[in-house]
Protein backbone atom coordinates (compact mmCIF):
# COMPACT_ATOMS: atom_id res chain seq x y z
CA UNK A 1 5.43 -32.34 -17.89
CA UNK A 2 6.62 -29.94 -15.17
CA UNK A 3 4.94 -29.96 -11.76
CA UNK A 4 2.32 -27.24 -11.17
CA UNK A 5 3.43 -24.16 -9.23
CA UNK A 6 2.73 -24.17 -5.51
CA UNK A 7 1.24 -21.49 -3.29
CA UNK A 8 3.18 -21.52 -0.01
CA UNK A 9 1.59 -20.23 3.20
CA UNK A 10 1.68 -20.54 7.00
CA UNK A 11 -1.29 -22.30 8.57
CA UNK A 12 -2.94 -22.45 11.97
CA UNK A 13 -5.53 -25.22 11.77
CA UNK A 14 -8.04 -26.04 14.48
CA UNK A 15 -5.51 -28.32 16.18
CA UNK A 16 -3.11 -25.43 16.76
CA UNK A 17 -5.64 -23.09 18.40
CA UNK A 18 -5.12 -24.49 21.94
CA UNK A 19 -1.49 -23.36 21.68
CA UNK A 20 -2.73 -19.79 21.20
CA UNK A 21 -4.87 -20.09 24.37
CA UNK A 22 -1.83 -21.38 26.29
CA UNK A 23 0.05 -18.25 25.27
CA UNK A 24 -2.58 -15.82 26.45
CA UNK A 25 -4.93 -15.40 23.51
CA UNK A 26 -8.66 -15.18 24.14
CA UNK A 27 -10.65 -18.00 22.61
CA UNK A 28 -13.15 -15.50 21.15
CA UNK A 29 -10.34 -13.99 19.06
CA UNK A 30 -9.31 -17.26 17.43
CA UNK A 31 -10.24 -18.94 14.17
CA UNK A 32 -8.34 -21.33 11.87
CA UNK A 33 -6.37 -19.27 9.38
CA UNK A 34 -3.75 -19.15 6.68
CA UNK A 35 -1.21 -16.37 6.15
CA UNK A 36 0.56 -15.77 2.84
CA UNK A 37 3.74 -13.66 2.77
CA UNK A 38 4.47 -11.92 -0.50
CA UNK A 39 7.56 -9.88 -1.31
CA UNK A 40 5.46 -7.20 -3.02
CA UNK A 41 3.85 -3.84 -2.38
CA UNK A 42 0.45 -3.72 -0.73
CA UNK A 43 -1.96 -0.78 -0.88
CA UNK A 44 -0.11 2.52 -0.36
CA UNK A 45 2.92 0.60 0.92
CA UNK A 46 5.46 2.62 -1.06
CA UNK A 47 4.06 5.93 0.22
CA UNK A 48 3.79 4.70 3.80
CA UNK A 49 7.26 3.16 3.80
CA UNK A 50 8.87 6.38 2.57
CA UNK A 51 7.02 8.46 5.15
CA UNK A 52 7.34 6.13 8.15
CA UNK A 53 10.62 4.25 7.62
CA UNK A 54 12.48 6.11 4.87
CA UNK A 55 13.23 5.34 1.21
CA UNK A 56 13.00 1.60 0.59
CA UNK A 57 14.01 -0.70 -2.23
CA UNK A 58 11.16 -2.73 -3.75
CA UNK A 59 12.64 -5.88 -2.26
CA UNK A 60 12.23 -4.42 1.25
CA UNK A 61 8.43 -4.27 0.96
CA UNK A 62 6.17 -7.14 1.99
CA UNK A 63 2.47 -7.98 2.11
CA UNK A 64 0.85 -10.47 4.51
CA UNK A 65 -2.58 -11.84 3.61
CA UNK A 66 -4.79 -13.39 6.29
CA UNK A 67 -7.45 -15.84 5.07
CA UNK A 68 -9.95 -17.90 7.02
CA UNK A 69 -9.17 -21.61 7.00
CA UNK A 70 -10.66 -24.96 8.03
CA UNK A 71 -14.29 -24.00 7.50
CA UNK A 72 -14.11 -20.77 9.54
CA UNK A 73 -16.17 -19.03 6.83
CA UNK A 74 -18.43 -21.93 5.89
CA UNK A 75 -21.67 -20.18 6.90
CA UNK A 76 -20.92 -17.02 4.89
CA UNK A 77 -21.60 -16.79 1.14
CA UNK A 78 -18.35 -17.09 -0.88
CA UNK A 79 -19.29 -14.07 -3.00
CA UNK A 80 -19.19 -11.86 0.10
CA UNK A 81 -15.40 -12.09 0.17
CA UNK A 82 -15.24 -10.70 -3.39
CA UNK A 83 -17.81 -7.92 -2.94
CA UNK A 84 -16.08 -4.65 -3.87
CA UNK A 85 -18.26 -2.68 -1.49
CA UNK A 86 -17.05 -4.75 1.45
CA UNK A 87 -13.55 -5.94 0.47
CA UNK A 88 -12.66 -2.56 -0.96
CA UNK A 89 -8.89 -2.99 -1.34
CA UNK A 90 -9.21 -6.14 -3.47
CA UNK A 91 -6.39 -8.02 -1.77
CA UNK A 92 -7.97 -11.49 -1.99
CA UNK A 93 -5.59 -12.58 -4.80
CA UNK A 94 -8.37 -14.88 -5.96
CA UNK A 95 -8.42 -16.90 -2.72
CA UNK A 96 -11.66 -17.49 -0.77
CA UNK A 97 -12.12 -16.30 2.80
CA UNK A 98 -9.96 -13.17 2.74
CA UNK A 99 -10.10 -11.44 6.15
CA UNK A 100 -7.23 -8.93 6.46
CA UNK A 101 -3.83 -7.78 5.22
CA UNK A 102 -0.72 -6.10 6.58
CA UNK A 103 2.00 -4.20 4.76
CA UNK A 104 5.50 -4.12 6.21
CA UNK A 105 9.18 -3.47 5.54
CA UNK A 106 12.06 -5.86 6.29
CA UNK A 107 15.41 -4.11 6.50
CA UNK A 108 18.60 -4.32 8.58
CA UNK A 109 17.30 -7.16 10.73
CA UNK A 110 14.08 -5.36 11.66
CA UNK A 111 10.48 -5.81 10.53
CA UNK A 112 8.61 -2.49 10.43
CA UNK A 113 4.81 -2.76 10.27
CA UNK A 114 3.12 -0.10 8.17
CA UNK A 115 -0.64 -0.69 8.27
CA UNK A 116 -3.05 -3.47 9.24
CA UNK A 117 -6.46 -3.57 7.54
CA UNK A 118 -9.54 -5.77 7.55
CA UNK A 119 -12.02 -4.48 5.02
CA UNK A 120 -14.31 -7.38 5.89
CA UNK A 121 -14.60 -6.44 9.58
CA UNK A 122 -14.20 -2.68 9.28
CA UNK A 123 -16.81 -2.46 6.49
CA UNK A 124 -19.14 -5.14 7.88
CA UNK A 125 -22.03 -2.65 7.94
CA UNK A 126 -22.19 -3.08 4.15
CA UNK A 127 -22.53 -6.86 4.46
CA UNK A 128 -26.23 -6.74 5.35
CA UNK A 129 -27.49 -9.76 7.30
CA UNK A 130 -23.96 -11.19 7.64
CA UNK A 131 -22.70 -8.32 9.79
CA UNK A 132 -23.20 -10.05 13.15
CA UNK A 133 -21.60 -13.28 11.98
CA UNK A 134 -18.57 -11.44 10.57
CA UNK A 135 -17.99 -9.62 13.85
CA UNK A 136 -18.37 -12.76 15.93
CA UNK A 137 -16.10 -14.88 13.74
CA UNK A 138 -13.31 -12.53 12.74
CA UNK A 139 -12.99 -9.68 15.26
CA UNK A 140 -9.73 -11.21 16.49
CA UNK A 141 -7.98 -10.59 13.18
CA UNK A 142 -5.46 -8.00 14.58
CA UNK A 143 -4.17 -10.53 17.11
CA UNK A 144 -3.68 -13.27 14.54
CA UNK A 145 -2.08 -10.90 12.05
CA UNK A 146 0.35 -9.56 14.66
CA UNK A 147 1.30 -13.08 15.73
CA UNK A 148 1.93 -13.97 12.09
CA UNK A 149 4.21 -10.97 11.59
CA UNK A 150 6.25 -11.69 14.72
CA UNK A 151 6.39 -15.40 13.86
CA UNK A 152 7.60 -14.54 10.34
CA UNK A 153 10.29 -12.23 11.76
CA UNK A 154 11.52 -14.95 14.12
CA UNK A 155 11.51 -17.52 11.32
CA UNK A 156 13.77 -15.27 9.22
CA UNK A 157 16.20 -14.61 12.05
CA UNK A 158 15.33 -10.94 12.54
CA UNK A 159 16.07 -9.29 15.88
CA UNK A 160 13.12 -6.96 16.33
CA UNK A 161 9.63 -6.04 15.19
CA UNK A 162 8.59 -2.40 15.25
CA UNK A 163 4.84 -1.94 15.08
CA UNK A 164 3.44 1.54 14.47
CA UNK A 165 1.50 3.25 17.24
CA UNK A 166 -1.97 4.46 16.39
CA UNK A 167 -0.90 8.10 16.22
CA UNK A 168 1.79 7.30 13.62
CA UNK A 169 -0.69 5.47 11.37
CA UNK A 170 -3.25 8.25 11.70
CA UNK A 171 -0.61 10.87 10.86
CA UNK A 172 0.09 9.18 7.53
CA UNK A 173 -3.45 8.15 6.64
CA UNK A 174 -5.77 9.65 4.06
CA UNK A 175 -6.51 13.20 5.30
CA UNK A 176 -9.97 13.11 3.72
CA UNK A 177 -11.16 10.21 5.91
CA UNK A 178 -12.72 10.64 9.31
CA UNK A 179 -10.53 8.93 11.89
CA UNK A 180 -12.11 6.51 14.37
CA UNK A 181 -9.62 6.92 17.20
CA UNK A 182 -10.90 3.97 19.23
CA UNK A 183 -10.53 1.62 16.24
CA UNK A 184 -6.92 2.66 15.60
CA UNK A 185 -6.07 2.41 19.30
CA UNK A 186 -7.53 -1.11 19.46
CA UNK A 187 -5.62 -2.36 16.41
CA UNK A 188 -2.27 -0.62 16.79
CA UNK A 189 -1.84 -0.09 20.54
CA UNK A 190 -4.05 -2.35 22.66
CA UNK A 191 -3.42 -5.51 20.61
CA UNK A 192 0.36 -5.10 20.68
CA UNK A 193 0.47 -4.32 24.39
CA UNK A 194 -1.76 -7.28 25.21
CA UNK A 195 0.13 -9.89 23.18
CA UNK A 196 3.78 -8.96 23.63
CA UNK A 197 6.33 -7.56 26.01
CA UNK A 198 6.62 -4.40 23.95
CA UNK A 199 8.00 -0.99 24.86
CA UNK A 200 6.93 2.30 23.40
CA UNK A 201 9.66 4.26 21.63
CA UNK A 202 8.27 7.51 20.25
CA UNK A 203 5.55 6.59 17.78
CA UNK A 204 6.62 2.93 17.50
CA UNK A 205 6.16 -0.18 19.60
CA UNK A 206 9.39 -2.19 19.80
CA UNK A 207 9.11 -5.98 20.20
CA UNK A 208 12.40 -7.70 20.98
CA UNK A 209 12.19 -11.18 19.47
CA UNK A 210 14.57 -12.84 21.94
CA UNK A 211 12.45 -11.64 24.86
CA UNK A 212 9.14 -12.67 23.30
CA UNK A 213 9.79 -16.25 22.22
CA UNK A 214 7.34 -17.59 24.79
CA UNK A 215 4.58 -15.28 23.55
CA UNK A 216 4.71 -16.17 19.85
CA UNK A 217 2.87 -19.10 18.27
CA UNK A 218 5.00 -20.31 15.33
CA UNK A 219 2.93 -21.04 12.22
CA UNK A 220 3.80 -24.25 10.36
CA UNK A 221 4.51 -23.96 6.64
CA UNK A 222 2.13 -25.57 4.18
CA UNK A 223 1.31 -25.35 0.49
CA UNK A 224 -1.26 -26.04 -2.20
CA UNK A 225 -0.87 -26.44 -5.96
CA UNK A 226 -2.02 -23.55 -8.10
CA UNK A 227 -4.29 -24.07 -11.13
CA UNK A 228 -2.46 -25.68 -14.01
CA UNK A 229 -3.67 -25.76 -17.59
CA UNK A 230 -2.21 -26.79 -20.90
CA UNK A 231 -3.30 -23.43 -22.30
CA UNK A 232 -4.41 -20.16 -20.67
CA UNK A 233 -6.46 -17.68 -22.69
CA UNK A 234 -7.34 -14.14 -21.59
CA UNK A 235 -9.80 -11.88 -23.39
CA UNK A 236 -8.92 -8.21 -22.91
CA UNK A 237 -11.56 -5.62 -23.82
CA UNK A 238 -10.14 -2.15 -24.46
CA UNK A 239 -13.13 0.10 -23.77
CA UNK A 240 -12.53 3.49 -25.37
CA UNK A 241 -15.88 4.78 -26.74
CA UNK A 242 -14.93 7.43 -29.31
CA UNK A 243 -11.70 8.45 -27.55
CA UNK A 244 -9.45 5.96 -29.32
CA UNK A 245 -9.61 7.40 -32.85
CA UNK A 246 -9.79 11.19 -32.85
CA UNK A 247 -8.43 11.14 -36.42
CA UNK A 248 -11.47 9.18 -37.66
CA UNK A 249 -14.50 11.36 -36.92
CA UNK A 250 -16.95 8.91 -38.46
CA UNK A 251 -15.75 5.93 -36.40
CA UNK A 252 -15.60 8.06 -33.25
CA UNK A 253 -19.20 9.18 -33.71
CA UNK A 254 -20.37 5.58 -34.24
CA UNK A 255 -18.41 4.40 -31.23
CA UNK A 256 -19.75 7.16 -28.99
CA UNK A 257 -23.27 6.16 -29.95
CA UNK A 258 -22.79 2.39 -29.58
CA UNK A 259 -20.21 1.75 -26.85
CA UNK A 260 -22.63 1.31 -23.92
CA UNK A 261 -24.71 -1.27 -25.73
CA UNK A 262 -21.57 -2.98 -27.00
CA UNK A 263 -20.06 -3.33 -23.52
CA UNK A 264 -23.33 -4.63 -22.08
CA UNK A 265 -23.55 -7.20 -24.90
CA UNK A 266 -19.98 -8.39 -24.27
CA UNK A 267 -20.67 -8.87 -20.57
CA UNK A 268 -23.99 -10.65 -21.22
CA UNK A 269 -22.36 -13.07 -23.65
CA UNK A 270 -19.58 -13.89 -21.21
CA UNK A 271 -22.05 -14.53 -18.39
CA UNK A 272 -24.00 -16.94 -20.58
CA UNK A 273 -20.84 -18.90 -21.30
CA UNK A 274 -19.49 -18.69 -17.75
CA UNK A 275 -16.37 -16.91 -18.99
CA UNK A 276 -14.52 -14.13 -17.17
CA UNK A 277 -12.84 -11.42 -19.27
CA UNK A 278 -10.78 -8.34 -18.41
CA UNK A 279 -12.13 -4.86 -19.10
CA UNK A 280 -9.43 -2.27 -19.68
CA UNK A 281 -11.32 1.03 -19.58
CA UNK A 282 -10.32 4.62 -20.34
CA UNK A 283 -10.59 6.41 -17.00
CA UNK A 284 -12.90 9.13 -18.28
CA UNK A 285 -15.67 6.59 -18.89
CA UNK A 286 -14.86 4.09 -16.11
CA UNK A 287 -17.63 5.21 -13.69
CA UNK A 288 -20.21 4.80 -16.45
CA UNK A 289 -18.76 1.44 -17.54
CA UNK A 290 -18.82 -0.36 -14.19
CA UNK A 291 -22.62 -0.80 -14.02
CA UNK A 292 -22.63 -2.13 -17.59
CA UNK A 293 -20.28 -5.03 -16.86
CA UNK A 294 -21.63 -5.87 -13.40
CA UNK A 295 -20.13 -6.47 -9.98
CA UNK A 296 -17.06 -8.61 -9.59
CA UNK A 297 -15.65 -8.05 -13.10
CA UNK A 298 -11.92 -7.68 -13.65
CA UNK A 299 -11.38 -4.00 -14.43
CA UNK A 300 -8.19 -2.13 -15.31
CA UNK A 301 -7.24 1.31 -16.56
CA UNK A 302 -6.67 1.82 -20.27
CA UNK A 303 -4.99 5.15 -19.47
CA UNK A 304 -6.79 8.10 -17.90
CA UNK A 305 -7.91 9.78 -21.12
CA UNK A 306 -6.29 7.86 -24.02
CA UNK A 307 -3.86 10.71 -24.65
CA UNK A 308 -0.71 9.48 -26.41
CA UNK A 309 2.72 10.62 -25.28
CA UNK A 310 4.03 11.91 -21.98
CA UNK A 311 7.38 12.72 -20.48
CA UNK A 312 9.61 11.22 -17.86
CA UNK A 313 7.63 12.23 -14.80
CA UNK A 314 4.39 13.48 -16.24
CA UNK A 315 3.56 17.16 -16.60
CA UNK A 316 2.62 18.82 -13.32
CA UNK A 317 -0.91 20.26 -13.30
CA UNK A 318 -1.25 24.05 -13.28
CA UNK A 319 -1.07 25.72 -9.89
CA UNK A 320 -4.78 26.59 -9.88
CA UNK A 321 -5.88 23.09 -10.96
CA UNK A 322 -3.56 21.53 -8.41
CA UNK A 323 -5.07 23.58 -5.60
CA UNK A 324 -8.53 22.49 -6.71
CA UNK A 325 -7.53 18.84 -6.78
CA UNK A 326 -5.92 18.54 -3.34
CA UNK A 327 -7.80 18.44 -0.07
CA UNK A 328 -5.12 19.53 2.38
CA UNK A 329 -1.64 20.92 2.77
CA UNK A 330 -0.51 17.42 3.68
CA UNK A 331 -1.57 16.18 0.25
CA UNK A 332 0.34 19.01 -1.43
CA UNK A 333 3.46 18.06 0.49
CA UNK A 334 3.01 14.39 -0.37
CA UNK A 335 2.76 15.17 -4.09
CA UNK A 336 5.85 17.37 -3.96
CA UNK A 337 7.71 14.56 -2.17
CA UNK A 338 6.63 12.14 -4.91
CA UNK A 339 7.99 14.54 -7.51
CA UNK A 340 11.33 14.89 -5.74
CA UNK A 341 11.60 11.11 -5.38
CA UNK A 342 10.94 10.60 -9.09
CA UNK A 343 7.67 8.76 -8.35
CA UNK A 344 5.12 11.31 -9.58
CA UNK A 345 3.19 10.58 -12.77
CA UNK A 346 0.41 12.90 -13.92
CA UNK A 347 -1.05 10.02 -15.94
CA UNK A 348 -1.15 7.51 -13.09
CA UNK A 349 -2.22 10.14 -10.58
CA UNK A 350 -5.06 11.01 -12.96
CA UNK A 351 -6.17 7.38 -12.96
CA UNK A 352 -6.17 7.15 -9.19
CA UNK A 353 -8.21 10.33 -8.86
CA UNK A 354 -10.92 8.48 -10.81
CA UNK A 355 -10.85 5.13 -8.98
CA UNK A 356 -8.46 3.70 -6.41
CA UNK A 357 -9.34 0.04 -6.85
CA UNK A 358 -8.34 -1.36 -10.29
CA UNK A 359 -5.14 -3.35 -10.02
CA UNK A 360 -4.05 -3.28 -13.67
CA UNK A 361 -2.90 -0.75 -16.25
CA UNK A 362 -2.97 -1.09 -20.03
CA UNK A 363 -1.31 1.79 -21.93
CA UNK A 364 -3.11 3.34 -24.89
CA UNK A 365 -1.92 1.75 -28.15
CA UNK A 366 0.65 -0.26 -26.14
CA UNK A 367 2.90 2.81 -26.03
CA UNK A 368 5.04 2.55 -22.93
CA UNK A 369 5.39 6.16 -21.81
CA UNK A 370 8.58 7.02 -19.97
CA UNK A 371 6.68 7.49 -16.72
CA UNK A 372 5.34 3.89 -16.76
CA UNK A 373 8.22 2.51 -14.74
CA UNK A 374 7.82 -0.34 -12.29
CA UNK A 375 8.56 2.06 -9.42
CA UNK A 376 5.84 4.50 -10.41
CA UNK A 377 3.26 1.83 -11.19
CA UNK A 378 3.61 0.15 -7.80
CA UNK A 379 3.74 3.55 -6.09
CA UNK A 380 0.26 4.13 -7.51
CA UNK A 381 -0.89 0.66 -6.37
CA UNK A 382 -0.84 -1.14 -9.71
CA UNK A 383 -0.10 -4.86 -9.60
CA UNK A 384 0.17 -5.53 -13.33
CA UNK A 385 0.99 -3.93 -16.66
CA UNK A 386 -0.36 -5.39 -19.92
CA UNK A 387 1.00 -4.28 -23.26
CA UNK A 388 1.85 -5.72 -26.65
CA UNK A 389 4.36 -8.54 -26.83
CA UNK A 390 6.65 -6.33 -28.90
CA UNK A 391 6.61 -3.46 -26.42
CA UNK A 392 7.35 -5.71 -23.41
CA UNK A 393 9.70 -8.09 -25.20
CA UNK A 394 8.21 -11.20 -23.55
CA UNK A 395 5.99 -14.09 -24.69
CA UNK A 396 4.59 -15.10 -21.29
CA UNK A 397 3.73 -13.30 -18.04
CA UNK A 398 6.64 -12.58 -15.71
CA UNK A 399 7.23 -10.84 -12.41
CA UNK A 400 9.32 -7.69 -12.52
CA UNK A 401 9.90 -7.52 -8.77
CA UNK A 402 6.56 -6.35 -7.33
CA UNK A 403 4.89 -5.89 -10.75
CA UNK A 404 3.48 -8.51 -13.11
CA UNK A 405 4.11 -7.84 -16.81
CA UNK A 406 1.63 -9.50 -19.16
CA UNK A 407 2.07 -9.60 -22.97
CA UNK A 408 -0.83 -9.08 -25.39
CA UNK A 409 -0.36 -11.27 -28.46
CA UNK A 410 -2.81 -9.71 -30.94
CA UNK A 411 -6.04 -7.73 -31.21
CA UNK A 412 -8.83 -6.84 -33.64
CA UNK A 413 -7.15 -3.85 -35.29
CA UNK A 414 -6.98 -5.57 -38.68
CA UNK A 415 -10.77 -5.79 -38.78
CA UNK A 416 -10.82 -2.00 -38.84
CA UNK A 417 -7.63 -0.85 -40.52
CA UNK A 418 -7.10 -3.66 -43.05
CA UNK A 419 -10.81 -4.36 -43.55
CA UNK A 420 -10.07 -8.05 -42.96
CA UNK A 421 -13.19 -10.25 -43.26
CA UNK A 422 -14.30 -11.52 -39.85
CA UNK A 423 -14.05 -15.20 -40.81
CA UNK A 424 -10.43 -14.74 -41.85
CA UNK A 425 -9.61 -12.83 -38.65
CA UNK A 426 -11.20 -15.50 -36.45
CA UNK A 427 -9.45 -18.33 -38.26
CA UNK A 428 -6.11 -16.59 -37.72
CA UNK A 429 -6.97 -15.82 -34.09
CA UNK A 430 -7.89 -19.43 -33.27
CA UNK A 431 -4.74 -20.69 -34.94
CA UNK A 432 -2.60 -18.35 -32.84
CA UNK A 433 -4.40 -19.49 -29.71
CA UNK A 434 -3.83 -23.14 -30.60
CA UNK A 435 -0.11 -22.53 -31.11
CA UNK A 436 0.47 -20.87 -27.72
CA UNK A 437 0.47 -21.94 -24.07
CA UNK A 438 -0.47 -18.43 -22.97
CA UNK A 439 -2.54 -15.96 -24.99
CA UNK A 440 -3.97 -12.57 -24.19
CA UNK A 441 -5.76 -10.93 -27.09
CA UNK A 442 -7.60 -7.62 -27.34
CA UNK A 443 -11.09 -6.71 -28.52
CA UNK A 444 -12.16 -3.06 -28.79
CA UNK A 445 -15.67 -1.77 -28.20
CA UNK A 446 -15.14 0.76 -31.00
CA UNK A 447 -14.64 -2.15 -33.45
CA UNK A 448 -17.62 -4.05 -32.04
CA UNK A 449 -19.58 -3.65 -35.25
CA UNK A 450 -17.05 -5.97 -36.90
CA UNK A 451 -16.86 -8.78 -34.34
CA UNK A 452 -19.67 -8.50 -31.80
CA UNK A 453 -22.31 -10.23 -34.01
CA UNK A 454 -20.00 -13.28 -34.04
CA UNK A 455 -18.94 -13.14 -30.37
CA UNK A 456 -21.18 -15.93 -29.10
CA UNK A 457 -19.66 -18.39 -31.56
CA UNK A 458 -16.13 -17.23 -30.79
CA UNK A 459 -16.68 -17.76 -27.06
CA UNK A 460 -18.02 -21.26 -27.71
CA UNK A 461 -14.94 -22.19 -29.70
CA UNK A 462 -12.50 -20.64 -27.21
CA UNK A 463 -14.13 -22.44 -24.29
CA UNK A 464 -12.91 -25.76 -25.64
CA UNK A 465 -9.33 -24.60 -26.20
CA UNK A 466 -8.08 -24.00 -22.67
CA UNK A 467 -8.64 -22.19 -19.42
CA UNK A 468 -10.17 -18.73 -19.89
CA UNK A 469 -9.34 -16.35 -17.07
CA UNK A 470 -8.62 -12.71 -16.24
CA UNK A 471 -5.41 -10.74 -16.06
CA UNK A 472 -6.03 -10.16 -12.35
CA UNK A 473 -5.95 -13.93 -11.88
CA UNK A 474 -2.83 -14.32 -14.02
CA UNK A 475 -1.09 -11.77 -11.78
CA UNK A 476 -2.50 -13.47 -8.65
CA UNK A 477 -0.97 -16.79 -9.62
CA UNK A 478 2.40 -15.22 -10.39
CA UNK A 479 2.48 -13.59 -6.97
CA UNK A 480 1.25 -16.68 -5.11
CA UNK A 481 3.80 -18.91 -6.84
CA UNK A 482 6.51 -16.57 -5.53
CA UNK A 483 5.20 -16.53 -1.91
CA UNK A 484 7.85 -16.92 0.77
C-alpha cells in the first residue's frame, strides 16, 4: 500500500519565537504559526498580477497561507475559522486556525507581492465576543506573513522581493469598497519599513535579499500526512428547481413547487448522519438556497442560469446592460482588458456577480462550454471543476496546474428518464461505489420524488463504505499534497 500524501509547510513553533525577537520583532506581534506555499492562484491573483506585474503564466502565481500553530488558537472555537461571515475568502483549505493569506508572483528571480489579507483580523467585528481575543492574538499577522515571503524567496535563491506600496494595492482594489487608508498603510508600508532595509521605488518597496539576511528568520520545513482512505465518496447535489428541464413542463412545475423542501430534507438527513455533501446550485437560486442548507456547507455553481451552449469567450452583454452592471469606469476598463486577454466569460462573470465565494463550478449537463478553460476558471477564482467522467476523460481527481478537475461517475438521471425502479438504481449505485477508490455521484433536487424517500437508508449504507467528504475537501487535499 502506498504511503499517504504529505502536506508540506514551514513552521515557527514556540521555540523559534525568541529568534524573531532577536531580529527586531515585537513580542506582541508573535504567535506560533505554519505557512503553506502553493503554486496556485489565490483570490483575484490573476487580475492583480496582470495589472501590477504584467501577463503571467499560471506557474508564476503563488499563494501563501498563514495558520496559527502550537495552540495559538486554543481558546477560540474551531468553527470560528470556518465562519463565512468572518473568513470571507474561504482560503482555509480545510485546515484549522487560518489567519491570513498572501498572493504573489515569482518570475525572473524576483518575488512580487500582490495582496496580503487577514479576514479573521480585518473582519473581527463579526466575531462577536471573540473580537478582543482575535486582535490580541493575531494582530501581528502582516509581520509574520512578510517574513515568510522573504524567507521563501531566500530559500529559492531569488535576488529580490518587491512588496507593493499601499497606494498600488488601493489603485487595483475593488472600486466599490470604502478604503481604510490607515489599514493599508499599516500592512503594506509600515510593516515593510519596520522589518527590512527596503527602499521605495515608485509604487513598490524593493527588498534586496543579500542585504537583508540578518533581518529574516528562516522557517524550518515540516510536514504532516493528509487523510488517507481506502475509498472516498462524494455526494454532489445539483440544485436546479425547475430550470433543468424546460422541455418537460410537468416536471418543471413539480420541481419549482418542491425544490425548497427537497433541499432542506437533504441537508437535514446529512446532518443526522454526520455526512458532508456538496451542493452545486444554479446561480439564479443560490441566494435562496444558502439558508436551506445551513452555514458551512460546501457550495458550488451549477452554472449561472442552466443555459446550455456558449461560445469561445462568452457573449458580451448589451451596452445598456453593461453600463447598469458596472460601478465605475475602472471596472469597464478591467472587463475590456479581460476580453482582450481572452479571459472574459459571460457565464463565469454572471456567476461572480451573484456570489464571489463558491470555489467550485459544475457545468449544466456536464457540457464543457468552450469558455470553461483553466485560464478563465482561475481568473474568476474557481479552484475546481466537476463534470462527468466522459467529458473530463479521467477516473480520479487531478490537478491541471492551478485547477482541480474532479470526475462525476454517475447520477440519478435513469430514475427519471428510464423510469428505473429505485431499488435497482441503488443496487447499481452501491456496486459502482464498491468497485471504485474514488466516487462522486450526482443527485438532483428535481428528481427528489424518486430517491428522497429512500435517502436516509442510502446514507446509512454509504457511511460504512468509505470516507464521505466534499469536493472542496478533495480539491484541498490535491493542493496541499502539491505544496512546495
